[in-house]
Amino acid sequence: MPRARKNPADNWMPPRVRRGKSAYEFRTPDGRTVRLCNADLTKSQVWAVYENFINDIKVGTNFNALCEEFFNSGDFHELATETRKDYRKYGSKVNVVFGKMKPDNIKPEHIRKYMDKRGVKSRVQANREKAFMSRVFRWAYERGKVKMNPCQGVKQFKEQARTRYVTHKEYEALYDVASLPVQVAMELAYLCCARQGDILDLKKSQILNEGILIQQSKTAVSQIKAWTKRLEDAVNLADTIPLNSGMVSIFVIHQPSGLRYTRDAFNAQWMKTKKLAAAKYPDLDFQFTFHDLKAKGISDLEGTLSEKQEISGHKNASQTARYNRKISVVPVVGGQ
């Protein structure tokens, strides 16, 4: 039996349904909000919409229900935490358009039309959302839930490869105004050529005598990043990150409560740091991402491309080449 509402006048509402600003909303078990119907409908109409919605989910008659099945699958839960978070975000976008459609009624031309309209605002996001839909359809096709994957054969937008190289001067200026957690994260990203998620996941138990053990979430490659004086200084700096009284943390970079930084919480600090740097150093350009620090590390490595690949942990040299952003200095005629 559902628990009583805080407002007794709402006791007539179906389970997990609440009234929002302009619509009745259904709260899913995992905490997401799904728009159910307009707020001006009668009580009986709301119940009718709710029952249709629940029946659709149970029998899997629409794409939204198919997404829910995928989100509850073992395949989904094997993905990295941040990938799961991104997929849920992409799902909320595409289900505005495709959520009520039967999966087998979604055709390649519908995907193309969606991408063309979505691409007006963001071609990158259009590509990501199409990739999410393709993943759901591939999962469903393998299990006999759909007849085809309509995303196959639909061309993605060409994305411009990032070429931004963070100079030493820009890096040092940003480091100068950063908080302790951001300083430590910057050093680990640069020195270890590591991704943000792997740095935020880094536990003190991964600090070994030989170096820092990092397993890349994207490639599953495990490496021990050997100690240097600068890397030791970064880890020692992490030990000075403040903790609330009586708190301890298993994470190298942590919040005052001892908890791991979420991507959103850390990115908020990162953006704040860039604003401070821009104000203090107006002559420098800080329009780069945290991920560009990994590219700076790979670019600054000495050695051949294959040697850089081994250090970075990429599966192939083409991946490493995309991160190698230093502009080559070549001789002119007569200067060889």
C-alpha atoms as a PDB file:
ATOM      1  CA  MET A   1       0.000   0.000   0.000  1.00  0.00           C
ATOM      2  CA  PRO A   2       1.477   3.395  -0.972  1.00  0.00           C
ATOM      3  CA  ARG A   3       2.418   5.692   1.869  1.00  0.00           C
ATOM      4  CA  ALA A   4       0.268   8.719   2.699  1.00  0.00           C
ATOM      5  CA  ARG A   5       1.116  11.974   0.940  1.00  0.00           C
ATOM      6  CA  LYS A   6       2.350  15.022   2.805  1.00  0.00           C
ATOM      7  CA  ASN A   7      -0.631  16.872   1.377  1.00  0.00           C
ATOM      8  CA  PRO A   8      -3.789  14.780   2.024  1.00  0.00           C
ATOM      9  CA  ALA A   9      -5.387  16.371  -1.031  1.00  0.00           C
ATOM     10  CA  ASP A  10      -2.917  14.423  -3.193  1.00  0.00           C
ATOM     11  CA  ASN A  11      -3.873  10.981  -1.856  1.00  0.00           C
ATOM     12  CA  TRP A  12      -5.984  10.317  -4.954  1.00  0.00           C
ATOM     13  CA  MET A  13      -2.885  10.317  -7.216  1.00  0.00           C
ATOM     14  CA  PRO A  14      -1.491   7.035  -8.572  1.00  0.00           C
ATOM     15  CA  PRO A  15       1.666   5.602  -6.993  1.00  0.00           C
ATOM     16  CA  ARG A  16       4.880   7.514  -7.797  1.00  0.00           C
ATOM     17  CA  VAL A  17       2.892  10.296  -9.470  1.00  0.00           C
ATOM     18  CA  ARG A  18       3.151  13.917  -8.360  1.00  0.00           C
ATOM     19  CA  ARG A  19       2.044  17.255  -9.726  1.00  0.00           C
ATOM     20  CA  GLY A  20       4.821  19.396 -11.172  1.00  0.00           C
ATOM     21  CA  LYS A  21       4.680  23.005 -12.345  1.00  0.00           C
ATOM     22  CA  SER A  22       2.916  22.244 -15.622  1.00  0.00           C
ATOM     23  CA  ALA A  23       2.366  18.492 -15.710  1.00  0.00           C
ATOM     24  CA  TYR A  24       1.806  15.334 -13.717  1.00  0.00           C
ATOM     25  CA  GLU A  25       5.096  13.471 -13.369  1.00  0.00           C
ATOM     26  CA  PHE A  26       6.020   9.857 -12.685  1.00  0.00           C
ATOM     27  CA  ARG A  27       8.998   9.231 -10.413  1.00  0.00           C
ATOM     28  CA  THR A  28      10.884   6.096 -11.486  1.00  0.00           C
ATOM     29  CA  PRO A  29      12.402   3.734  -8.887  1.00  0.00           C
ATOM     30  CA  ASP A  30      15.905   4.963  -9.787  1.00  0.00           C
ATOM     31  CA  GLY A  31      14.962   8.591  -9.114  1.00  0.00           C
ATOM     32  CA  ARG A  32      14.314   9.934 -12.611  1.00  0.00           C
ATOM     33  CA  THR A  33      11.267  12.008 -13.522  1.00  0.00           C
ATOM     34  CA  VAL A  34       9.074  11.157 -16.528  1.00  0.00           C
ATOM     35  CA  ARG A  35       6.410  13.564 -17.787  1.00  0.00           C
ATOM     36  CA  LEU A  36       3.061  11.775 -17.620  1.00  0.00           C
ATOM     37  CA  CYS A  37       0.374  14.209 -18.806  1.00  0.00           C
ATOM     38  CA  ASN A  38      -0.815  17.825 -18.689  1.00  0.00           C
ATOM     39  CA  ALA A  39      -1.711  19.284 -15.316  1.00  0.00           C
ATOM     40  CA  ASP A  40      -5.221  20.298 -16.446  1.00  0.00           C
ATOM     41  CA  LEU A  41      -6.550  16.737 -16.821  1.00  0.00           C
ATOM     42  CA  THR A  42      -9.204  15.329 -14.479  1.00  0.00           C
ATOM     43  CA  LYS A  43      -8.415  12.714 -11.842  1.00  0.00           C
ATOM     44  CA  SER A  44      -9.910   9.922 -13.927  1.00  0.00           C
ATOM     45  CA  GLN A  45      -7.942  11.026 -16.985  1.00  0.00           C
ATOM     46  CA  VAL A  46      -4.697  11.068 -14.987  1.00  0.00           C
ATOM     47  CA  TRP A  47      -5.384   7.526 -13.776  1.00  0.00           C
ATOM     48  CA  ALA A  48      -6.119   6.392 -17.352  1.00  0.00           C
ATOM     49  CA  VAL A  49      -2.831   7.860 -18.617  1.00  0.00           C
ATOM     50  CA  TYR A  50      -0.984   6.293 -15.684  1.00  0.00           C
ATOM     51  CA  GLU A  51      -2.431   2.830 -16.355  1.00  0.00           C
ATOM     52  CA  ASN A  52      -1.508   3.061 -20.045  1.00  0.00           C
ATOM     53  CA  PHE A  53       1.989   4.161 -19.093  1.00  0.00           C
ATOM     54  CA  ILE A  54       2.465   1.253 -16.664  1.00  0.00           C
ATOM     55  CA  ASN A  55       1.076  -1.248 -19.175  1.00  0.00           C
ATOM     56  CA  ASP A  56       3.454   0.050 -21.849  1.00  0.00           C
ATOM     57  CA  ILE A  57       6.419  -0.452 -19.532  1.00  0.00           C
ATOM     58  CA  LYS A  58       5.272  -3.946 -18.550  1.00  0.00           C
ATOM     59  CA  VAL A  59       4.791  -5.243 -22.054  1.00  0.00           C
ATOM     60  CA  GLY A  60       7.578  -3.195 -23.642  1.00  0.00           C
ATOM     61  CA  THR A  61       5.470  -1.705 -26.408  1.00  0.00           C
ATOM     62  CA  ASN A  62       7.441   1.524 -26.838  1.00  0.00           C
ATOM     63  CA  PHE A  63      11.030   2.694 -27.087  1.00  0.00           C
ATOM     64  CA  ASN A  64      10.954   4.221 -23.620  1.00  0.00           C
ATOM     65  CA  ALA A  65      10.125   0.787 -22.191  1.00  0.00           C
ATOM     66  CA  LEU A  66      12.935  -0.754 -24.238  1.00  0.00           C
ATOM     67  CA  CYS A  67      15.344   1.783 -22.741  1.00  0.00           C
ATOM     68  CA  GLU A  68      14.136   0.863 -19.253  1.00  0.00           C
ATOM     69  CA  GLU A  69      14.822  -2.802 -19.966  1.00  0.00           C
ATOM     70  CA  PHE A  70      18.311  -1.911 -21.170  1.00  0.00           C
ATOM     71  CA  PHE A  71      18.953   0.222 -18.070  1.00  0.00           C
ATOM     72  CA  ASN A  72      18.032  -2.762 -15.900  1.00  0.00           C
ATOM     73  CA  SER A  73      20.207  -5.191 -17.847  1.00  0.00           C
ATOM     74  CA  GLY A  74      23.534  -6.695 -16.878  1.00  0.00           C
ATOM     75  CA  ASP A  75      25.134  -5.168 -19.989  1.00  0.00           C
ATOM     76  CA  PHE A  76      24.244  -1.681 -18.790  1.00  0.00           C
ATOM     77  CA  HIS A  77      25.531  -2.238 -15.256  1.00  0.00           C
ATOM     78  CA  GLU A  78      28.874  -3.459 -16.606  1.00  0.00           C
ATOM     79  CA  LEU A  79      29.484  -0.029 -18.133  1.00  0.00           C
ATOM     80  CA  ALA A  80      31.583   2.602 -16.362  1.00  0.00           C
ATOM     81  CA  THR A  81      29.688   4.801 -13.894  1.00  0.00           C
ATOM     82  CA  GLU A  82      30.046   7.963 -15.966  1.00  0.00           C
ATOM     83  CA  THR A  83      28.993   6.129 -19.143  1.00  0.00           C
ATOM     84  CA  ARG A  84      25.812   4.947 -17.408  1.00  0.00           C
ATOM     85  CA  LYS A  85      25.129   8.496 -16.299  1.00  0.00           C
ATOM     86  CA  ASP A  86      25.644   9.795 -19.847  1.00  0.00           C
ATOM     87  CA  TYR A  87      23.373   7.103 -21.297  1.00  0.00           C
ATOM     88  CA  ARG A  88      20.545   8.066 -18.961  1.00  0.00           C
ATOM     89  CA  LYS A  89      20.993  11.688 -20.020  1.00  0.00           C
ATOM     90  CA  TYR A  90      20.898  10.740 -23.712  1.00  0.00           C
ATOM     91  CA  GLY A  91      17.855   8.534 -23.052  1.00  0.00           C
ATOM     92  CA  SER A  92      15.902  11.427 -21.577  1.00  0.00           C
ATOM     93  CA  LYS A  93      16.612  13.446 -24.744  1.00  0.00           C
ATOM     94  CA  VAL A  94      15.714  10.854 -27.389  1.00  0.00           C
ATOM     95  CA  ASN A  95      12.626   9.642 -25.539  1.00  0.00           C
ATOM     96  CA  VAL A  96      11.032  13.060 -25.924  1.00  0.00           C
ATOM     97  CA  VAL A  97      10.810  12.186 -29.628  1.00  0.00           C
ATOM     98  CA  PHE A  98      10.890   8.380 -29.786  1.00  0.00           C
ATOM     99  CA  GLY A  99       9.672   7.348 -26.333  1.00  0.00           C
ATOM    100  CA  LYS A 100       6.076   6.516 -27.301  1.00  0.00           C
ATOM    101  CA  MET A 101       6.929   4.878 -30.642  1.00  0.00           C
ATOM    102  CA  LYS A 102       7.028   1.121 -31.071  1.00  0.00           C
ATOM    103  CA  PRO A 103      10.686   0.159 -31.562  1.00  0.00           C
ATOM    104  CA  ASP A 104       9.992  -1.678 -34.837  1.00  0.00           C
ATOM    105  CA  ASN A 105       8.276   1.441 -36.200  1.00  0.00           C
ATOM    106  CA  ILE A 106      11.462   3.507 -35.824  1.00  0.00           C
ATOM    107  CA  LYS A 107      13.149   3.597 -39.231  1.00  0.00           C
ATOM    108  CA  PRO A 108      16.548   4.919 -40.437  1.00  0.00           C
ATOM    109  CA  GLU A 109      14.838   7.949 -41.967  1.00  0.00           C
ATOM    110  CA  HIS A 110      13.446   8.855 -38.530  1.00  0.00           C
ATOM    111  CA  ILE A 111      16.936   8.677 -37.017  1.00  0.00           C
ATOM    112  CA  ARG A 112      18.295  10.831 -39.852  1.00  0.00           C
ATOM    113  CA  LYS A 113      15.575  13.445 -39.390  1.00  0.00           C
ATOM    114  CA  TYR A 114      16.201  13.545 -35.640  1.00  0.00           C
ATOM    115  CA  MET A 115      19.944  13.983 -36.154  1.00  0.00           C
ATOM    116  CA  ASP A 116      19.482  16.754 -38.707  1.00  0.00           C
ATOM    117  CA  LYS A 117      17.273  18.734 -36.336  1.00  0.00           C
ATOM    118  CA  ARG A 118      19.397  17.993 -33.276  1.00  0.00           C
ATOM    119  CA  GLY A 119      22.544  18.810 -35.213  1.00  0.00           C
ATOM    120  CA  VAL A 120      21.437  22.403 -35.737  1.00  0.00           C
ATOM    121  CA  LYS A 121      22.143  22.976 -32.035  1.00  0.00           C
ATOM    122  CA  SER A 122      24.882  20.406 -31.405  1.00  0.00           C
ATOM    123  CA  ARG A 123      26.316  17.915 -33.870  1.00  0.00           C
ATOM    124  CA  VAL A 124      28.399  16.255 -31.170  1.00  0.00           C
ATOM    125  CA  GLN A 125      25.352  15.608 -28.984  1.00  0.00           C
ATOM    126  CA  ALA A 126      23.417  14.358 -32.020  1.00  0.00           C
ATOM    127  CA  ASN A 127      26.189  11.801 -32.602  1.00  0.00           C
ATOM    128  CA  ARG A 128      26.217  10.729 -28.939  1.00  0.00           C
ATOM    129  CA  GLU A 129      22.446  10.306 -28.768  1.00  0.00           C
ATOM    130  CA  LYS A 130      22.400   8.318 -31.991  1.00  0.00           C
ATOM    131  CA  ALA A 131      25.174   6.098 -30.609  1.00  0.00           C
ATOM    132  CA  PHE A 132      23.095   5.523 -27.467  1.00  0.00           C
ATOM    133  CA  MET A 133      20.047   4.506 -29.519  1.00  0.00           C
ATOM    134  CA  SER A 134      22.211   2.162 -31.580  1.00  0.00           C
ATOM    135  CA  ARG A 135      23.513   0.541 -28.396  1.00  0.00           C
ATOM    136  CA  VAL A 136      19.957  -0.026 -27.122  1.00  0.00           C
ATOM    137  CA  PHE A 137      18.790  -1.465 -30.459  1.00  0.00           C
ATOM    138  CA  ARG A 138      21.855  -3.710 -30.747  1.00  0.00           C
ATOM    139  CA  TRP A 139      21.213  -5.056 -27.254  1.00  0.00           C
ATOM    140  CA  ALA A 140      17.528  -5.611 -28.062  1.00  0.00           C
ATOM    141  CA  TYR A 141      18.224  -7.216 -31.483  1.00  0.00           C
ATOM    142  CA  GLU A 142      20.536  -9.800 -29.932  1.00  0.00           C
ATOM    143  CA  ARG A 143      17.702 -10.807 -27.605  1.00  0.00           C
ATOM    144  CA  GLY A 144      14.968 -10.973 -30.244  1.00  0.00           C
ATOM    145  CA  LYS A 145      13.143  -7.905 -28.981  1.00  0.00           C
ATOM    146  CA  VAL A 146      13.377  -5.937 -32.263  1.00  0.00           C
ATOM    147  CA  LYS A 147      13.670  -6.883 -35.930  1.00  0.00           C
ATOM    148  CA  MET A 148      16.463  -4.498 -36.839  1.00  0.00           C
ATOM    149  CA  ASN A 149      18.766  -1.729 -35.669  1.00  0.00           C
ATOM    150  CA  PRO A 150      17.524   1.384 -37.531  1.00  0.00           C
ATOM    151  CA  CYS A 151      20.685   3.295 -36.622  1.00  0.00           C
ATOM    152  CA  GLN A 152      22.831   1.117 -38.854  1.00  0.00           C
ATOM    153  CA  GLY A 153      23.733   2.911 -42.064  1.00  0.00           C
ATOM    154  CA  VAL A 154      22.802   6.349 -40.693  1.00  0.00           C
ATOM    155  CA  LYS A 155      25.856   8.529 -41.119  1.00  0.00           C
ATOM    156  CA  GLN A 156      27.098  10.470 -38.136  1.00  0.00           C
ATOM    157  CA  PHE A 157      28.211  14.076 -38.384  1.00  0.00           C
ATOM    158  CA  LYS A 158      31.904  14.579 -38.943  1.00  0.00           C
ATOM    159  CA  GLU A 159      33.482  15.821 -35.748  1.00  0.00           C
ATOM    160  CA  GLN A 160      36.439  18.158 -35.762  1.00  0.00           C
ATOM    161  CA  ALA A 161      39.359  16.514 -33.993  1.00  0.00           C
ATOM    162  CA  ARG A 162      40.630  18.538 -31.038  1.00  0.00           C
ATOM    163  CA  THR A 163      44.010  20.120 -31.639  1.00  0.00           C
ATOM    164  CA  ARG A 164      44.229  22.299 -28.517  1.00  0.00           C
ATOM    165  CA  TYR A 165      47.610  22.079 -26.848  1.00  0.00           C
ATOM    166  CA  VAL A 166      47.822  23.559 -23.330  1.00  0.00           C
ATOM    167  CA  THR A 167      51.055  25.512 -23.025  1.00  0.00           C
ATOM    168  CA  HIS A 168      53.258  25.359 -19.933  1.00  0.00           C
ATOM    169  CA  LYS A 169      52.442  29.008 -19.209  1.00  0.00           C
ATOM    170  CA  GLU A 170      48.676  28.356 -19.338  1.00  0.00           C
ATOM    171  CA  TYR A 171      49.039  25.256 -17.178  1.00  0.00           C
ATOM    172  CA  GLU A 172      51.123  27.041 -14.537  1.00  0.00           C
ATOM    173  CA  ALA A 173      48.743  30.017 -14.427  1.00  0.00           C
ATOM    174  CA  LEU A 174      45.737  27.755 -13.914  1.00  0.00           C
ATOM    175  CA  TYR A 175      47.566  25.714 -11.279  1.00  0.00           C
ATOM    176  CA  ASP A 176      48.434  28.940  -9.447  1.00  0.00           C
ATOM    177  CA  VAL A 177      44.786  29.795  -8.675  1.00  0.00           C
ATOM    178  CA  ALA A 178      43.407  26.254  -8.303  1.00  0.00           C
ATOM    179  CA  SER A 179      42.159  24.676  -5.080  1.00  0.00           C
ATOM    180  CA  LEU A 180      44.081  21.721  -3.628  1.00  0.00           C
ATOM    181  CA  PRO A 181      41.812  19.025  -5.168  1.00  0.00           C
ATOM    182  CA  VAL A 182      42.072  20.651  -8.604  1.00  0.00           C
ATOM    183  CA  GLN A 183      45.851  21.051  -8.292  1.00  0.00           C
ATOM    184  CA  VAL A 184      46.311  17.380  -7.440  1.00  0.00           C
ATOM    185  CA  ALA A 185      43.933  16.288 -10.221  1.00  0.00           C
ATOM    186  CA  MET A 186      45.769  18.463 -12.761  1.00  0.00           C
ATOM    187  CA  GLU A 187      49.123  16.946 -11.861  1.00  0.00           C
ATOM    188  CA  LEU A 188      47.827  13.367 -11.979  1.00  0.00           C
ATOM    189  CA  ALA A 189      46.077  13.934 -15.311  1.00  0.00           C
ATOM    190  CA  TYR A 190      49.191  15.473 -16.836  1.00  0.00           C
ATOM    191  CA  LEU A 191      51.917  13.287 -15.338  1.00  0.00           C
ATOM    192  CA  CYS A 192      50.035   9.972 -15.608  1.00  0.00           C
ATOM    193  CA  CYS A 193      48.210  10.789 -18.880  1.00  0.00           C
ATOM    194  CA  ALA A 194      45.030   9.750 -17.079  1.00  0.00           C
ATOM    195  CA  ARG A 195      41.328  10.405 -17.612  1.00  0.00           C
ATOM    196  CA  GLN A 196      39.274  12.440 -15.152  1.00  0.00           C
ATOM    197  CA  GLY A 197      37.125   9.489 -14.065  1.00  0.00           C
ATOM    198  CA  ASP A 198      40.164   7.324 -13.300  1.00  0.00           C
ATOM    199  CA  ILE A 199      41.678  10.126 -11.225  1.00  0.00           C
ATOM    200  CA  LEU A 200      38.508  10.727  -9.206  1.00  0.00           C
ATOM    201  CA  ASP A 201      38.236   6.950  -8.618  1.00  0.00           C
ATOM    202  CA  LEU A 202      41.847   6.718  -7.430  1.00  0.00           C
ATOM    203  CA  LYS A 203      42.086   5.124  -3.972  1.00  0.00           C
ATOM    204  CA  LYS A 204      44.931   5.323  -1.482  1.00  0.00           C
ATOM    205  CA  SER A 205      45.295   1.551  -1.749  1.00  0.00           C
ATOM    206  CA  GLN A 206      46.511   2.115  -5.326  1.00  0.00           C
ATOM    207  CA  ILE A 207      49.575   3.971  -4.045  1.00  0.00           C
ATOM    208  CA  LEU A 208      52.288   1.296  -4.244  1.00  0.00           C
ATOM    209  CA  ASN A 209      56.017   1.185  -3.629  1.00  0.00           C
ATOM    210  CA  GLU A 210      56.656   1.048  -7.386  1.00  0.00           C
ATOM    211  CA  GLY A 211      54.251   3.874  -8.252  1.00  0.00           C
ATOM    212  CA  ILE A 212      50.522   4.497  -8.731  1.00  0.00           C
ATOM    213  CA  LEU A 213      48.378   1.644 -10.032  1.00  0.00           C
ATOM    214  CA  ILE A 214      45.798   2.912 -12.522  1.00  0.00           C
ATOM    215  CA  GLN A 215      43.364   0.746 -14.448  1.00  0.00           C
ATOM    216  CA  GLN A 216      41.873   2.735 -17.292  1.00  0.00           C
ATOM    217  CA  SER A 217      38.099   2.490 -17.244  1.00  0.00           C
ATOM    218  CA  LYS A 218      37.865   2.928 -21.010  1.00  0.00           C
ATOM    219  CA  THR A 219      40.491   0.432 -22.207  1.00  0.00           C
ATOM    220  CA  ALA A 220      40.718  -1.755 -19.044  1.00  0.00           C
ATOM    221  CA  VAL A 221      44.525  -1.500 -19.297  1.00  0.00           C
ATOM    222  CA  SER A 222      46.281  -1.638 -15.905  1.00  0.00           C
ATOM    223  CA  GLN A 223      49.551   0.210 -15.446  1.00  0.00           C
ATOM    224  CA  ILE A 224      51.807   1.273 -12.600  1.00  0.00           C
ATOM    225  CA  LYS A 225      52.898   4.859 -13.142  1.00  0.00           C
ATOM    226  CA  ALA A 226      56.470   4.891 -11.836  1.00  0.00           C
ATOM    227  CA  TRP A 227      57.494   7.460  -9.254  1.00  0.00           C
ATOM    228  CA  THR A 228      59.173  10.728 -10.115  1.00  0.00           C
ATOM    229  CA  LYS A 229      59.887  13.595  -7.732  1.00  0.00           C
ATOM    230  CA  ARG A 230      57.022  15.605  -9.215  1.00  0.00           C
ATOM    231  CA  LEU A 231      54.571  12.691  -8.932  1.00  0.00           C
ATOM    232  CA  GLU A 232      55.585  12.128  -5.316  1.00  0.00           C
ATOM    233  CA  ASP A 233      54.989  15.829  -4.614  1.00  0.00           C
ATOM    234  CA  ALA A 234      51.489  15.570  -6.124  1.00  0.00           C
ATOM    235  CA  VAL A 235      50.568  12.608  -3.904  1.00  0.00           C
ATOM    236  CA  ASN A 236      52.015  14.359  -0.848  1.00  0.00           C
ATOM    237  CA  LEU A 237      49.936  17.417  -1.735  1.00  0.00           C
ATOM    238  CA  ALA A 238      46.839  15.196  -1.847  1.00  0.00           C
ATOM    239  CA  ASP A 239      47.504  14.265   1.801  1.00  0.00           C
ATOM    240  CA  THR A 240      46.918  17.924   2.723  1.00  0.00           C
ATOM    241  CA  ILE A 241      43.405  18.119   1.221  1.00  0.00           C
ATOM    242  CA  PRO A 242      41.181  19.138   4.185  1.00  0.00           C
ATOM    243  CA  LEU A 243      38.851  16.663   5.905  1.00  0.00           C
ATOM    244  CA  ASN A 244      36.073  17.426   8.342  1.00  0.00           C
ATOM    245  CA  SER A 245      36.864  16.610  11.957  1.00  0.00           C
ATOM    246  CA  GLY A 246      36.725  12.867  12.605  1.00  0.00           C
ATOM    247  CA  MET A 247      36.417  12.005   8.900  1.00  0.00           C
ATOM    248  CA  VAL A 248      38.692   9.721   6.897  1.00  0.00           C
ATOM    249  CA  SER A 249      38.744   8.920   3.194  1.00  0.00           C
ATOM    250  CA  ILE A 250      39.823   6.015   1.031  1.00  0.00           C
ATOM    251  CA  PHE A 251      40.192   8.347  -1.978  1.00  0.00           C
ATOM    252  CA  VAL A 252      43.320  10.256  -2.972  1.00  0.00           C
ATOM    253  CA  ILE A 253      41.190  13.247  -4.027  1.00  0.00           C
ATOM    254  CA  HIS A 254      38.181  13.683  -1.778  1.00  0.00           C
ATOM    255  CA  GLN A 255      35.606  16.127  -0.506  1.00  0.00           C
ATOM    256  CA  PRO A 256      35.763  17.437   3.110  1.00  0.00           C
ATOM    257  CA  SER A 257      33.266  14.708   4.015  1.00  0.00           C
ATOM    258  CA  GLY A 258      35.725  12.090   2.745  1.00  0.00           C
ATOM    259  CA  LEU A 259      33.482  11.120  -0.158  1.00  0.00           C
ATOM    260  CA  ARG A 260      34.645  10.779  -3.745  1.00  0.00           C
ATOM    261  CA  TYR A 261      34.167  13.805  -5.978  1.00  0.00           C
ATOM    262  CA  THR A 262      31.415  13.259  -8.519  1.00  0.00           C
ATOM    263  CA  ARG A 263      32.090  14.429 -12.046  1.00  0.00           C
ATOM    264  CA  ASP A 264      29.640  17.328 -11.667  1.00  0.00           C
ATOM    265  CA  ALA A 265      31.068  18.448  -8.316  1.00  0.00           C
ATOM    266  CA  PHE A 266      34.633  18.390  -9.621  1.00  0.00           C
ATOM    267  CA  ASN A 267      33.692  20.114 -12.884  1.00  0.00           C
ATOM    268  CA  ALA A 268      32.106  22.921 -10.866  1.00  0.00           C
ATOM    269  CA  GLN A 269      35.476  23.481  -9.167  1.00  0.00           C
ATOM    270  CA  TRP A 270      37.264  23.208 -12.503  1.00  0.00           C
ATOM    271  CA  MET A 271      35.068  25.887 -14.081  1.00  0.00           C
ATOM    272  CA  LYS A 272      35.519  28.125 -11.029  1.00  0.00           C
ATOM    273  CA  THR A 273      39.291  27.718 -11.362  1.00  0.00           C
ATOM    274  CA  LYS A 274      39.221  28.720 -15.027  1.00  0.00           C
ATOM    275  CA  LYS A 275      37.207  31.867 -14.210  1.00  0.00           C
ATOM    276  CA  LEU A 276      39.696  32.849 -11.513  1.00  0.00           C
ATOM    277  CA  ALA A 277      42.597  32.250 -13.892  1.00  0.00           C
ATOM    278  CA  ALA A 278      40.964  34.297 -16.657  1.00  0.00           C
ATOM    279  CA  ALA A 279      40.493  37.203 -14.240  1.00  0.00           C
ATOM    280  CA  LYS A 280      44.069  37.065 -12.917  1.00  0.00           C
ATOM    281  CA  TYR A 281      45.743  36.345 -16.263  1.00  0.00           C
ATOM    282  CA  PRO A 282      43.588  38.096 -18.919  1.00  0.00           C
ATOM    283  CA  ASP A 283      46.339  37.767 -21.528  1.00  0.00           C
ATOM    284  CA  LEU A 284      46.118  33.954 -21.506  1.00  0.00           C
ATOM    285  CA  ASP A 285      43.518  31.652 -23.078  1.00  0.00           C
ATOM    286  CA  PHE A 286      41.897  29.103 -20.749  1.00  0.00           C
ATOM    287  CA  GLN A 287      39.379  27.751 -23.238  1.00  0.00           C
ATOM    288  CA  PHE A 288      40.439  24.138 -22.848  1.00  0.00           C
ATOM    289  CA  THR A 289      38.969  21.091 -21.138  1.00  0.00           C
ATOM    290  CA  PHE A 290      40.298  19.015 -18.262  1.00  0.00           C
ATOM    291  CA  HIS A 291      40.696  16.146 -20.721  1.00  0.00           C
ATOM    292  CA  ASP A 292      43.116  18.329 -22.700  1.00  0.00           C
ATOM    293  CA  LEU A 293      45.583  17.905 -19.815  1.00  0.00           C
ATOM    294  CA  LYS A 294      45.897  14.225 -20.690  1.00  0.00           C
ATOM    295  CA  ALA A 295      46.646  15.270 -24.272  1.00  0.00           C
ATOM    296  CA  LYS A 296      49.267  17.706 -22.983  1.00  0.00           C
ATOM    297  CA  GLY A 297      50.918  14.877 -21.057  1.00  0.00           C
ATOM    298  CA  ILE A 298      51.056  12.596 -24.098  1.00  0.00           C
ATOM    299  CA  SER A 299      52.275  15.463 -26.291  1.00  0.00           C
ATOM    300  CA  ASP A 300      55.072  16.277 -23.832  1.00  0.00           C
ATOM    301  CA  LEU A 301      56.275  12.672 -23.585  1.00  0.00           C
ATOM    302  CA  GLU A 302      59.590  11.985 -25.275  1.00  0.00           C
ATOM    303  CA  GLY A 303      59.954   9.091 -27.691  1.00  0.00           C
ATOM    304  CA  THR A 304      58.276   7.588 -30.719  1.00  0.00           C
ATOM    305  CA  LEU A 305      54.534   7.221 -31.209  1.00  0.00           C
ATOM    306  CA  SER A 306      54.700   3.537 -30.250  1.00  0.00           C
ATOM    307  CA  GLU A 307      56.562   4.420 -27.047  1.00  0.00           C
ATOM    308  CA  LYS A 308      53.939   7.034 -26.232  1.00  0.00           C
ATOM    309  CA  GLN A 309      51.226   4.462 -26.909  1.00  0.00           C
ATOM    310  CA  GLU A 310      52.724   2.063 -24.372  1.00  0.00           C
ATOM    311  CA  ILE A 311      52.937   4.761 -21.709  1.00  0.00           C
ATOM    312  CA  SER A 312      49.435   6.115 -22.355  1.00  0.00           C
ATOM    313  CA  GLY A 313      47.814   2.667 -22.326  1.00  0.00           C
ATOM    314  CA  HIS A 314      45.987   3.082 -25.631  1.00  0.00           C
ATOM    315  CA  LYS A 315      45.038  -0.030 -27.566  1.00  0.00           C
ATOM    316  CA  ASN A 316      46.396   1.273 -30.858  1.00  0.00           C
ATOM    317  CA  ALA A 317      48.667   4.004 -32.161  1.00  0.00           C
ATOM    318  CA  SER A 318      45.842   5.879 -33.889  1.00  0.00           C
ATOM    319  CA  GLN A 319      44.307   6.645 -30.482  1.00  0.00           C
ATOM    320  CA  THR A 320      47.624   7.988 -29.241  1.00  0.00           C
ATOM    321  CA  ALA A 321      48.086  10.061 -32.393  1.00  0.00           C
ATOM    322  CA  ARG A 322      44.851  11.946 -31.664  1.00  0.00           C
ATOM    323  CA  TYR A 323      46.305  13.055 -28.329  1.00  0.00           C
ATOM    324  CA  ASN A 324      49.709  14.026 -29.730  1.00  0.00           C
ATOM    325  CA  ARG A 325      49.072  17.734 -30.289  1.00  0.00           C
ATOM    326  CA  LYS A 326      52.423  19.471 -30.304  1.00  0.00           C
ATOM    327  CA  ILE A 327      53.110  21.149 -33.637  1.00  0.00           C
ATOM    328  CA  SER A 328      56.192  19.625 -35.218  1.00  0.00           C
ATOM    329  CA  VAL A 329      59.205  21.829 -35.897  1.00  0.00           C
ATOM    330  CA  VAL A 330      60.637  20.839 -39.287  1.00  0.00           C
ATOM    331  CA  PRO A 331      63.611  22.200 -41.227  1.00  0.00           C
ATOM    332  CA  VAL A 332      63.257  24.420 -44.251  1.00  0.00           C
ATOM    333  CA  VAL A 333      65.086  23.931 -47.546  1.00  0.00           C
ATOM    334  CA  GLY A 334      68.773  24.093 -46.879  1.00  0.00           C
ATOM    335  CA  GLY A 335      68.346  23.673 -43.144  1.00  0.00           C
ATOM    336  CA  GLN A 336      68.473  19.874 -42.880  1.00  0.00           C
END
